Protein backbone atom coordinates (compact mmCIF):
# COMPACT_ATOMS: atom_id res chain seq x y z
CA MET A 1 0.05 0.09 0.20
CA ASP A 2 1.67 3.53 -0.91
CA GLU A 3 0.82 6.94 0.48
CA ALA A 4 -1.21 7.62 -2.60
CA ASP A 5 -3.88 4.89 -1.34
CA ALA A 6 -3.29 6.12 2.22
CA LYS A 7 -4.58 9.93 0.76
CA LYS A 8 -7.93 8.79 -0.60
CA VAL A 9 -9.03 8.41 3.05
CA THR A 10 -9.76 12.46 3.87
CA GLY A 11 -9.84 14.17 6.78
CA ASN A 12 -13.32 13.25 7.46
CA CYS A 13 -12.99 9.89 6.82
CA VAL A 14 -10.14 9.90 9.30
CA ASP A 15 -12.79 11.59 12.11
CA ASP A 16 -15.12 8.96 10.73
CA LEU A 17 -12.94 5.82 11.46
CA GLY A 18 -15.04 2.51 11.76
CA THR A 19 -12.59 0.03 11.59
CA GLY A 20 -9.00 -0.43 10.91
CA CYS A 21 -6.08 -2.73 11.97
CA VAL A 22 -2.53 -2.53 13.29
CA PHE A 23 0.16 -5.06 14.20
CA LEU A 24 1.83 -4.10 17.18
CA PHE A 25 5.10 -6.45 17.04
CA LEU A 26 7.29 -7.04 20.12
CA GLN A 27 10.35 -8.74 20.84
CA SER A 28 12.87 -9.15 23.65
CA ASP A 29 15.95 -11.18 24.24
CA TYR A 30 15.53 -12.31 27.89
CA PRO A 31 12.67 -13.33 28.59
CA GLU A 32 12.34 -13.87 25.19
CA LEU A 33 8.61 -12.89 24.21
CA LEU A 34 8.05 -15.65 21.60
CA SER A 35 9.03 -18.45 23.46
CA VAL A 36 6.75 -17.12 26.16
CA TYR A 37 4.24 -17.09 23.91
CA LYS A 38 4.89 -21.04 22.59
CA ASP A 39 5.18 -22.03 26.33
CA PRO A 40 1.23 -23.24 27.10
CA ASP A 41 2.02 -22.56 30.67
CA ARG A 42 2.91 -18.58 30.33
CA LYS A 43 1.06 -18.19 27.22
CA PHE A 44 -1.83 -16.64 28.90
CA SER A 45 0.23 -14.75 31.43
CA LEU A 46 1.72 -13.00 28.44
CA PHE A 47 -1.63 -12.30 26.82
CA LYS A 48 -2.76 -10.87 30.36
CA VAL A 49 0.26 -8.45 30.29
CA ILE A 50 -0.86 -7.31 26.62
CA ARG A 51 -4.67 -7.12 28.09
CA LEU A 52 -3.78 -4.62 30.32
CA THR A 53 -1.41 -3.02 28.39
CA LEU A 54 -3.93 -2.13 25.82
CA SER A 55 -6.80 -1.43 28.45
CA ASP A 56 -4.39 1.29 29.82
CA ALA A 57 -3.26 2.70 26.32
CA THR A 58 -6.48 2.99 25.05
CA GLY A 59 -8.47 4.12 28.13
CA GLY A 60 -10.68 1.17 28.49
CA LEU A 61 -11.87 -2.05 27.55
CA ASP A 62 -13.97 -1.18 24.80
CA GLY A 63 -13.20 -0.01 21.21
CA TYR A 64 -10.65 -2.24 20.22
CA GLU A 65 -10.08 -6.36 20.06
CA ILE A 66 -7.13 -8.50 19.41
CA LEU A 67 -7.65 -10.78 16.46
CA LYS A 68 -4.57 -12.71 16.87
CA LEU A 69 -1.38 -13.65 17.81
CA HIS A 70 0.98 -14.12 15.52
CA ASP A 71 5.05 -16.15 15.53
CA ALA A 72 6.53 -13.64 13.52
CA ASP A 73 9.86 -14.58 14.54
CA PRO A 74 11.85 -13.34 16.09
CA ARG A 75 8.92 -10.87 16.98
CA LEU A 76 5.68 -11.39 18.74
CA GLY A 77 2.88 -10.17 16.57
CA VAL A 78 -0.42 -8.84 17.96
CA GLU A 79 -3.26 -8.18 15.32
CA ILE A 80 -5.55 -5.31 17.06
CA LYS A 81 -8.72 -4.41 15.38
CA PHE A 82 -9.79 -0.92 16.38
CA VAL A 83 -13.71 -0.22 16.05
CA GLU A 84 -13.92 3.62 17.93
CA PRO A 85 -11.78 6.53 16.74
CA GLY A 86 -10.80 7.31 20.03
CA ALA A 87 -9.38 4.45 21.60
CA CYS A 88 -7.32 4.41 18.00
CA ARG A 89 -6.04 7.59 18.66
CA ARG A 90 -5.17 7.41 22.20
CA PHE A 91 -3.49 3.96 21.22
CA LEU A 92 -1.04 6.18 18.99
CA GLU A 93 -0.49 8.90 21.38
CA SER A 94 0.34 6.10 24.16
CA TYR A 95 2.90 4.53 21.50
CA ALA A 96 4.16 7.57 20.15
CA SER A 97 4.81 8.82 23.55
CA GLY A 98 6.86 5.56 24.98
CA ALA A 99 3.77 5.25 27.51
CA LEU A 100 2.61 2.01 25.93
CA LEU A 101 6.19 0.80 26.37
CA GLN A 102 6.24 1.46 29.79
CA LEU A 103 3.40 0.06 30.65
CA PHE A 104 3.93 -2.79 29.20
CA THR A 105 7.69 -3.35 30.76
CA GLN A 106 5.69 -2.39 34.06
CA HIS A 107 2.70 -5.13 33.64
CA ALA A 108 4.96 -7.98 32.54
CA SER A 109 7.55 -7.12 34.96
CA ARG A 110 4.27 -7.99 37.92
CA VAL A 111 3.05 -10.90 35.69
CA LEU A 112 5.71 -12.98 33.86
CA PRO A 113 7.93 -14.76 36.41
CA GLY A 114 11.83 -13.94 35.14
CA ALA A 115 10.46 -10.46 33.42
CA GLY A 116 12.43 -7.98 36.43
CA GLU A 117 14.65 -6.22 34.04
CA LEU A 118 12.85 -7.01 30.76
CA VAL A 119 13.87 -4.70 27.44
CA THR A 120 11.51 -4.61 24.72
CA HIS A 121 11.72 -3.50 21.29
CA THR A 122 8.33 -2.58 19.44
CA ARG A 123 7.27 -2.22 15.77
CA LEU A 124 4.19 -0.77 14.26
CA GLN A 125 2.32 -1.60 11.06
CA ALA A 126 -0.44 -0.89 8.90
CA GLY A 127 -0.33 -3.32 6.14
CA ASP A 128 3.19 -2.91 4.52
CA SER A 129 3.19 0.33 5.82
CA LEU A 130 5.50 0.70 9.25
CA LEU A 131 4.05 3.49 11.19
CA ASP A 132 7.04 3.93 13.34
CA ASP A 133 8.26 6.11 10.32
CA PHE A 134 5.79 8.90 10.56
CA LEU A 135 4.55 8.62 14.45
CA ASP A 136 4.40 12.53 14.53
CA ASP A 137 1.46 12.80 12.01
CA GLN A 138 -1.28 11.05 13.66
CA ASP A 139 -3.68 11.59 10.98
CA ARG A 140 -1.52 10.24 8.69
CA CYS A 141 -0.93 6.90 10.76
CA LEU A 142 -5.08 6.92 11.28
CA ARG A 143 -5.37 6.99 7.34
CA HIS A 144 -3.23 3.91 7.05
CA ILE A 145 -4.82 2.17 9.70
CA SER A 146 -8.26 2.66 8.20
CA LEU A 147 -7.35 1.18 4.85
CA ILE A 148 -7.21 -2.16 6.43
CA LYS A 149 -10.26 -3.60 7.02
CA PRO A 150 -10.54 -7.15 9.02
CA ASN A 151 -13.34 -9.12 7.94
CA ARG A 152 -13.08 -11.95 10.37
CA LEU A 153 -13.48 -12.52 14.09
CA PRO A 154 -11.00 -12.95 16.79
CA ASP A 155 -9.04 -16.73 15.81
CA ASP A 156 -9.86 -19.49 18.67
CA GLU A 157 -6.70 -19.42 20.48
CA VAL A 158 -7.60 -15.63 21.31
CA CYS A 159 -11.25 -16.55 22.06
CA LEU A 160 -9.79 -19.38 24.66
CA LEU A 161 -7.40 -16.79 26.02
CA GLU A 162 -10.29 -13.79 26.61
CA GLN A 163 -12.89 -16.77 28.33
CA GLN A 164 -10.12 -17.98 30.65
CA LEU A 165 -9.39 -14.09 31.64
CA GLN A 166 -13.21 -13.69 31.91
CA SER A 167 -13.05 -16.65 33.95
CA LEU A 168 -10.61 -15.43 36.65
CA VAL A 169 -12.45 -12.19 36.65
CA LEU A 170 -15.60 -13.68 37.27
CA SER A 171 -13.92 -16.50 40.16
CA ASP A 172 -12.54 -12.92 41.67
CA ARG A 173 -15.85 -11.69 42.03
CA SER A 174 -17.55 -15.03 43.83
CA PRO A 175 -18.42 -14.90 47.12
CA SER A 176 -15.48 -17.19 48.26
CA HIS A 177 -13.60 -13.70 47.21
CA ALA A 178 -15.76 -11.48 48.21
CA THR A 179 -13.24 -10.34 50.94
CA GLN A 180 -10.61 -9.84 48.70
CA PRO A 181 -9.44 -7.73 46.20
CA SER A 182 -9.43 -8.80 42.50
CA ALA A 183 -5.98 -10.31 41.71
CA LEU A 184 -5.98 -7.82 38.73
CA LYS A 185 -6.73 -5.20 40.68
CA GLN A 186 -3.67 -6.03 42.92
CA GLU A 187 -1.45 -6.14 39.97
CA VAL A 188 -1.83 -3.26 38.21
CA PRO A 189 -3.89 0.35 38.91
CA SER A 190 -5.43 1.54 35.69
CA VAL A 191 -3.67 4.48 34.42
CA PRO A 192 -5.15 7.79 32.68
CA SER A 193 -3.74 9.03 29.87
CA ASN A 194 -2.57 12.07 31.53
CA CYS A 195 -0.50 10.22 34.37
CA PHE A 196 1.77 7.65 35.05
CA LEU A 197 3.07 4.91 36.86
CA PHE A 198 6.15 4.79 39.58
CA GLN A 199 6.52 2.17 42.32
CA GLU A 200 3.11 1.21 41.71
CA GLN A 201 1.87 4.62 42.34
CA VAL A 202 0.04 6.87 39.89
CA PHE A 203 1.35 10.30 39.13
CA ASP A 204 -0.19 13.19 37.05
CA ASP A 205 2.34 13.39 33.79
CA ARG A 206 3.54 16.80 32.45
CA GLN A 207 5.83 18.42 30.30
CA LEU A 208 9.60 18.48 31.58
CA THR A 209 10.41 22.24 32.92
CA ALA A 210 13.57 24.03 33.08
CA ALA A 211 13.47 23.26 36.69
CA ASP A 212 13.09 19.40 35.95
CA HIS A 213 16.34 19.89 33.20
CA GLN A 214 18.47 21.17 35.85
CA ARG A 215 17.57 18.67 38.91
CA PHE A 216 18.07 16.01 36.31
CA ALA A 217 21.61 17.26 35.09
CA THR A 218 22.60 17.53 38.85
CA SER A 219 21.42 14.41 40.09
CA VAL A 220 22.18 11.93 37.58
CA GLY A 221 25.92 11.85 37.33
CA ARG A 222 27.98 9.34 35.75
CA ASP A 223 24.46 7.33 34.74
CA TRP A 224 23.50 9.89 32.46
CA LYS A 225 24.45 7.51 29.58
CA LYS A 226 22.21 4.83 31.12
CA VAL A 227 19.16 6.95 31.19
CA GLY A 228 19.95 7.93 27.56
CA ARG A 229 19.95 4.54 26.25
CA ALA A 230 16.70 3.84 27.72
CA LEU A 231 15.35 6.79 26.25
CA GLN A 232 16.70 5.99 22.81
CA LYS A 233 14.30 2.89 22.44
CA SER A 234 11.67 5.68 21.97
CA CYS A 235 13.16 8.45 20.56
CA ARG A 236 15.09 8.68 17.53
CA ALA A 237 17.25 11.66 18.04
CA LEU A 238 19.17 9.39 20.55
CA LYS A 239 19.55 6.43 18.47
CA GLY A 240 22.93 5.28 16.93
CA PRO A 241 26.27 7.12 18.05
CA ALA A 242 24.21 10.21 19.23
CA ILE A 243 24.83 9.74 22.96
CA ASP A 244 28.64 8.30 22.39
CA ASN A 245 28.69 11.90 20.05
CA LEU A 246 27.52 13.90 22.91
CA ALA A 247 30.05 11.99 25.65
CA TYR A 248 32.90 12.98 23.33
CA GLU A 249 31.75 16.65 22.64
CA TYR A 250 31.01 17.61 26.30
CA GLU A 251 33.99 15.48 28.07
CA ARG A 252 35.80 18.55 28.96
CA ASP A 253 32.39 20.27 30.35
CA GLY A 254 32.05 17.46 32.64
CA LEU A 255 29.04 15.14 33.78
CA TYR A 256 26.63 17.99 34.57
CA GLU A 257 26.94 19.30 31.28
CA GLN A 258 26.52 16.29 29.21
CA ALA A 259 23.73 15.07 31.15
CA TYR A 260 21.79 18.42 30.51
CA GLN A 261 22.83 18.17 26.68
CA LEU A 262 21.51 14.61 26.80
CA LEU A 263 18.38 16.01 27.97
CA SER A 264 17.83 18.58 26.02
CA ARG A 265 18.48 16.82 22.77
CA PHE A 266 15.64 14.71 24.06
CA ILE A 267 13.45 18.01 24.49
CA GLN A 268 14.16 19.23 21.36
CA ALA A 269 13.80 16.09 19.38
CA GLU A 270 10.08 15.29 21.09
CA GLY A 271 8.66 18.42 21.65
CA LYS A 272 5.51 18.18 23.72
CA ARG A 273 6.06 14.37 23.81
CA ALA A 274 8.86 15.00 26.19
CA ARG A 275 7.14 14.28 29.34
CA LEU A 276 7.94 13.67 33.02
CA GLY A 277 6.57 10.31 32.82
CA ARG A 278 8.99 9.24 29.90
CA LEU A 279 11.86 10.47 32.02
CA VAL A 280 10.81 8.76 35.15
CA GLY A 281 9.91 5.53 33.19
CA ALA A 282 13.63 5.73 31.68
CA LEU A 283 15.25 6.18 35.15
CA GLU A 284 13.14 3.27 36.72
CA GLU A 285 13.85 1.17 34.04
CA THR A 286 17.36 1.55 34.86
CA LYS A 287 17.16 1.12 38.58
CA LEU A 288 18.22 4.73 39.31
CA ILE A 289 15.32 5.13 42.10
CA GLY A 290 16.63 7.64 43.69
CA VAL A 291 17.30 9.97 40.89
CA ALA A 292 13.22 9.36 39.87
CA GLU A 293 12.25 10.37 43.40
CA ILE A 294 14.23 13.48 43.21
CA MET A 295 12.47 14.24 39.78
CA LEU A 296 9.21 13.68 41.59
CA ASP A 297 10.52 15.90 44.33
CA LEU A 298 9.63 12.79 47.16
CA PRO A 299 11.54 12.23 50.36
CA GLU A 300 14.03 9.51 49.24
CA GLY A 301 12.46 5.99 49.93
CA VAL A 302 8.94 7.37 50.29
CA THR A 303 5.91 7.37 47.70
CA PRO A 304 2.98 9.05 48.17
CA PRO A 305 -0.30 7.57 48.23
CA ALA A 306 -1.70 6.60 45.02
CA ARG A 307 -3.85 9.49 43.20
CA ALA A 308 -7.43 9.01 43.50
CA TRP A 309 -9.91 8.62 40.28
CA HIS A 310 -12.64 6.65 39.17
CA ASP A 311 -12.60 4.15 36.23
CA ASP A 312 -14.95 1.86 35.17
CA ARG A 313 -12.13 -0.71 34.26
CA LEU A 314 -11.74 -1.81 37.65
CA HIS A 315 -14.95 -3.22 37.85
CA LEU A 316 -13.85 -5.38 34.51
CA LEU A 317 -10.38 -6.22 35.49
C-alpha cells in the first residue's frame, strides 16, 4: 500500500473511522517473548500483560479487540482491530510517547516470572506501512490504519484466552473472594492517559520544565548514558552514535553538561512528547530509583498514596 492510497482517505473519513487494523510487534531477548508465547504454561500470563497494556493505553476495555497473536520470528505479533476512533487515537498517542512500552514493561515485571529486567523493542505496522516512520503525523497513521479492514473474528486461540481471563475475573467476584481484592486489581492500577506509574503509584504527567532539566543534570551523574539508552528506544534523535557523540563533544565540560545536553536533545526532538513520565520511566528501567524520586520531589524512599480517581475498568479487570 502506497501513500497515494492512504491519501484517498480524507480528514473527514479519519474522524469517522469505523474499523482499522494494526500489527504491534514485540521483541525481547530475555525472556524471549516468542518463547513465552509458545510455552503453554506461560501463554496466558503473556496475554494478560498484553490486554492490561492495551486497556491502559486506550483508556478502557472497549473500542478495540485482539484478533490474533502471530509467530513472526523473532517477534511476537499482536493483530489489533479498532472499532472506535478515540481508542485508536489514544493508542497511537501512547505508543508514540513511549507510554505503551513503559506500561508493557511494568505489567510484565509483575505478571511474567523472570521479567523483572525485561527490555522490549516494538514495531507498529498497518499493512506494508511502517507507522514508526511517521508517528508524529497521527492523521497519516490513522489513514493507513483505516485502509486495513479486517472482516474476520478473533481466532480460536484468542477466544480461549479471553474466556480464561473472564473466568479469572468471575472467580475473583465470587462470594469466596468477596473480602479479597481481584488479582488483577492488585497487580495493576488503571492509569489515565494524563498520568503515569512509578513504584506502583500514579502521578500526574506533564511536559518537562527547565527546573526538571537542571534537577536531572545535577542528580544523575555518571549514569546519564544509561538513561539515554533507555530513552533512545522511543526517541530517534538519541539512536545510533548520538549518545557517544554527546559524551565525546562535552567530555571536557563534565558530567553535568553531558547530562544536560542529553536531556536537551531529548526535549528538542520530542517537543510536547518530552514528558516527565517518560523520563521517570527511563530512570526506573535503569534502577535509578533515587534519581526518579528527586525528579518527583519525593523524600528519599517515600512514595505518597496513589492518586485517586474513578475508572470503570476496575470493575471489569
